Amino acid sequence: MAPIQVSSVDELKQYIPQAIECRVVKDEKNGKAKIKVRTKRKLVTLVIPISKVDKVLEELNCPEVVEF
């Protein structure tokens, strides 16, 4: 199954109750970061500017955050 890409933080929040962990992958070269929310059955991603990562992670309140 392919990852689901969402376009807003509100859409990503739907998956947080089932989340096992959240991963943050930063692409310094392009100034973007991916927040990946892993549930038992799905992987959901959101691409945002690096400057907004900390604010979004606080808002999401993920059970476990892993940064790459």
N, C-alpha and C. Protein backbone atom coordinates (compact mmCIF):
# COMPACT_ATOMS: atom_id res chain seq x y z
N MET A 1 0.85 -1.18 0.00
CA MET A 1 0.00 0.00 0.00
C MET A 1 0.89 1.24 0.00
N ALA A 2 0.56 2.20 -0.82
CA ALA A 2 1.33 3.43 -0.94
C ALA A 2 0.99 4.39 0.21
N PRO A 3 1.94 5.23 0.59
CA PRO A 3 1.65 6.23 1.63
C PRO A 3 0.56 7.21 1.17
N ILE A 4 -0.16 7.74 2.12
CA ILE A 4 -1.20 8.73 1.84
C ILE A 4 -0.59 10.09 2.11
N GLN A 5 -0.65 11.00 1.13
CA GLN A 5 -0.13 12.34 1.35
C GLN A 5 -1.30 13.29 1.56
N VAL A 6 -1.26 14.00 2.69
CA VAL A 6 -2.31 14.97 3.00
C VAL A 6 -1.77 16.38 2.77
N SER A 7 -2.67 17.35 2.68
CA SER A 7 -2.25 18.70 2.35
C SER A 7 -2.38 19.68 3.51
N SER A 8 -2.91 19.24 4.65
CA SER A 8 -3.05 20.16 5.77
C SER A 8 -2.85 19.44 7.10
N VAL A 9 -2.54 20.22 8.11
CA VAL A 9 -2.33 19.68 9.46
C VAL A 9 -3.62 19.09 9.99
N ASP A 10 -4.74 19.71 9.68
CA ASP A 10 -6.03 19.22 10.15
C ASP A 10 -6.33 17.80 9.63
N GLU A 11 -5.97 17.55 8.38
CA GLU A 11 -6.16 16.20 7.83
C GLU A 11 -5.26 15.20 8.54
N LEU A 12 -4.04 15.62 8.84
CA LEU A 12 -3.08 14.74 9.51
C LEU A 12 -3.53 14.41 10.93
N LYS A 13 -4.19 15.35 11.59
CA LYS A 13 -4.66 15.14 12.96
C LYS A 13 -5.64 13.97 13.08
N GLN A 14 -6.34 13.65 12.02
CA GLN A 14 -7.29 12.54 12.03
C GLN A 14 -6.60 11.22 12.36
N TYR A 15 -5.34 11.09 11.97
CA TYR A 15 -4.62 9.82 12.11
C TYR A 15 -3.84 9.71 13.42
N ILE A 16 -3.74 10.79 14.19
CA ILE A 16 -2.94 10.80 15.42
C ILE A 16 -3.48 9.81 16.48
N PRO A 17 -4.78 9.67 16.69
CA PRO A 17 -5.24 8.71 17.70
C PRO A 17 -4.78 7.26 17.45
N GLN A 18 -4.59 6.88 16.19
CA GLN A 18 -4.14 5.54 15.87
C GLN A 18 -2.63 5.46 15.69
N ALA A 19 -1.91 6.57 15.82
CA ALA A 19 -0.48 6.63 15.51
C ALA A 19 0.36 5.82 16.47
N ILE A 20 1.35 5.14 15.91
CA ILE A 20 2.34 4.42 16.69
C ILE A 20 3.53 5.35 16.93
N GLU A 21 3.93 6.09 15.87
CA GLU A 21 5.01 7.07 15.99
C GLU A 21 4.90 8.09 14.88
N CYS A 22 5.60 9.20 15.07
CA CYS A 22 5.72 10.24 14.05
C CYS A 22 7.20 10.37 13.71
N ARG A 23 7.50 10.43 12.44
CA ARG A 23 8.88 10.61 11.99
C ARG A 23 8.99 11.94 11.27
N VAL A 24 10.12 12.60 11.48
CA VAL A 24 10.37 13.87 10.82
C VAL A 24 11.63 13.70 9.98
N VAL A 25 11.50 13.93 8.68
CA VAL A 25 12.63 13.86 7.77
C VAL A 25 12.83 15.26 7.19
N LYS A 26 13.99 15.86 7.51
CA LYS A 26 14.26 17.23 7.06
C LYS A 26 15.14 17.21 5.82
N ASP A 27 14.75 18.01 4.84
CA ASP A 27 15.52 18.21 3.62
C ASP A 27 16.04 19.64 3.64
N GLU A 28 17.21 19.82 4.25
CA GLU A 28 17.79 21.15 4.44
C GLU A 28 18.02 21.85 3.10
N LYS A 29 18.39 21.09 2.09
CA LYS A 29 18.71 21.65 0.78
C LYS A 29 17.51 22.39 0.17
N ASN A 30 16.34 21.80 0.29
CA ASN A 30 15.12 22.39 -0.29
C ASN A 30 14.29 23.16 0.72
N GLY A 31 14.68 23.13 2.00
CA GLY A 31 13.94 23.88 3.02
C GLY A 31 12.60 23.27 3.37
N LYS A 32 12.45 21.98 3.16
CA LYS A 32 11.18 21.31 3.45
C LYS A 32 11.39 20.16 4.42
N ALA A 33 10.32 19.76 5.06
CA ALA A 33 10.36 18.61 5.97
C ALA A 33 9.12 17.78 5.73
N LYS A 34 9.26 16.47 5.94
CA LYS A 34 8.12 15.56 5.86
C LYS A 34 7.83 15.07 7.26
N ILE A 35 6.57 15.16 7.65
CA ILE A 35 6.13 14.54 8.89
C ILE A 35 5.37 13.28 8.47
N LYS A 36 5.88 12.15 8.95
CA LYS A 36 5.28 10.86 8.59
C LYS A 36 4.64 10.26 9.83
N VAL A 37 3.36 10.00 9.76
CA VAL A 37 2.62 9.40 10.86
C VAL A 37 2.37 7.94 10.52
N ARG A 38 2.91 7.05 11.33
CA ARG A 38 2.77 5.61 11.12
C ARG A 38 1.66 5.08 12.01
N THR A 39 0.66 4.48 11.39
CA THR A 39 -0.37 3.77 12.13
C THR A 39 -0.15 2.28 11.88
N LYS A 40 -1.00 1.45 12.43
CA LYS A 40 -0.84 0.01 12.26
C LYS A 40 -0.95 -0.38 10.78
N ARG A 41 -1.80 0.29 10.04
CA ARG A 41 -2.05 -0.10 8.65
C ARG A 41 -1.61 0.93 7.61
N LYS A 42 -1.39 2.18 8.00
CA LYS A 42 -1.13 3.23 7.03
C LYS A 42 0.09 4.07 7.39
N LEU A 43 0.65 4.70 6.37
CA LEU A 43 1.67 5.72 6.54
C LEU A 43 1.13 6.98 5.90
N VAL A 44 1.02 8.04 6.68
CA VAL A 44 0.44 9.29 6.20
C VAL A 44 1.52 10.36 6.28
N THR A 45 1.72 11.12 5.19
CA THR A 45 2.77 12.13 5.16
C THR A 45 2.20 13.52 4.91
N LEU A 46 2.95 14.50 5.43
CA LEU A 46 2.64 15.91 5.22
C LEU A 46 3.96 16.62 4.95
N VAL A 47 4.04 17.39 3.87
CA VAL A 47 5.23 18.17 3.54
C VAL A 47 4.99 19.62 3.94
N ILE A 48 5.92 20.14 4.77
CA ILE A 48 5.80 21.51 5.26
C ILE A 48 7.17 22.18 5.24
N PRO A 49 7.23 23.52 5.35
CA PRO A 49 8.52 24.20 5.49
C PRO A 49 9.19 23.82 6.81
N ILE A 50 10.51 23.75 6.81
CA ILE A 50 11.26 23.38 8.01
C ILE A 50 10.95 24.31 9.18
N SER A 51 10.72 25.59 8.90
CA SER A 51 10.48 26.57 9.96
C SER A 51 9.21 26.27 10.77
N LYS A 52 8.28 25.50 10.22
CA LYS A 52 7.02 25.21 10.90
C LYS A 52 6.99 23.87 11.62
N VAL A 53 8.07 23.09 11.55
CA VAL A 53 8.07 21.73 12.08
C VAL A 53 7.77 21.69 13.57
N ASP A 54 8.48 22.50 14.37
CA ASP A 54 8.29 22.46 15.82
C ASP A 54 6.86 22.82 16.23
N LYS A 55 6.32 23.84 15.60
CA LYS A 55 4.95 24.27 15.91
C LYS A 55 3.93 23.17 15.58
N VAL A 56 4.10 22.53 14.43
CA VAL A 56 3.17 21.48 14.00
C VAL A 56 3.28 20.26 14.91
N LEU A 57 4.49 19.89 15.31
CA LEU A 57 4.65 18.74 16.19
C LEU A 57 4.01 18.97 17.55
N GLU A 58 4.13 20.19 18.07
CA GLU A 58 3.45 20.52 19.34
C GLU A 58 1.94 20.39 19.18
N GLU A 59 1.44 20.85 18.05
CA GLU A 59 0.00 20.82 17.78
C GLU A 59 -0.51 19.39 17.63
N LEU A 60 0.30 18.51 17.03
CA LEU A 60 -0.12 17.13 16.79
C LEU A 60 -0.09 16.28 18.05
N ASN A 61 0.86 16.53 18.92
CA ASN A 61 0.99 15.76 20.17
C ASN A 61 1.13 14.26 19.87
N CYS A 62 2.15 13.92 19.11
CA CYS A 62 2.43 12.53 18.72
C CYS A 62 2.90 11.71 19.92
N PRO A 63 2.59 10.41 19.93
CA PRO A 63 3.02 9.56 21.05
C PRO A 63 4.54 9.40 21.11
N GLU A 64 5.20 9.32 19.97
CA GLU A 64 6.66 9.19 19.92
C GLU A 64 7.14 9.90 18.66
N VAL A 65 8.18 10.73 18.80
CA VAL A 65 8.72 11.47 17.66
C VAL A 65 10.15 11.01 17.41
N VAL A 66 10.42 10.63 16.15
CA VAL A 66 11.76 10.21 15.74
C VAL A 66 12.20 11.13 14.62
N GLU A 67 13.39 11.74 14.77
CA GLU A 67 13.89 12.66 13.74
C GLU A 67 15.03 12.01 12.97
N PHE A 68 14.99 12.20 11.65
CA PHE A 68 16.03 11.70 10.75
C PHE A 68 16.73 12.86 10.09
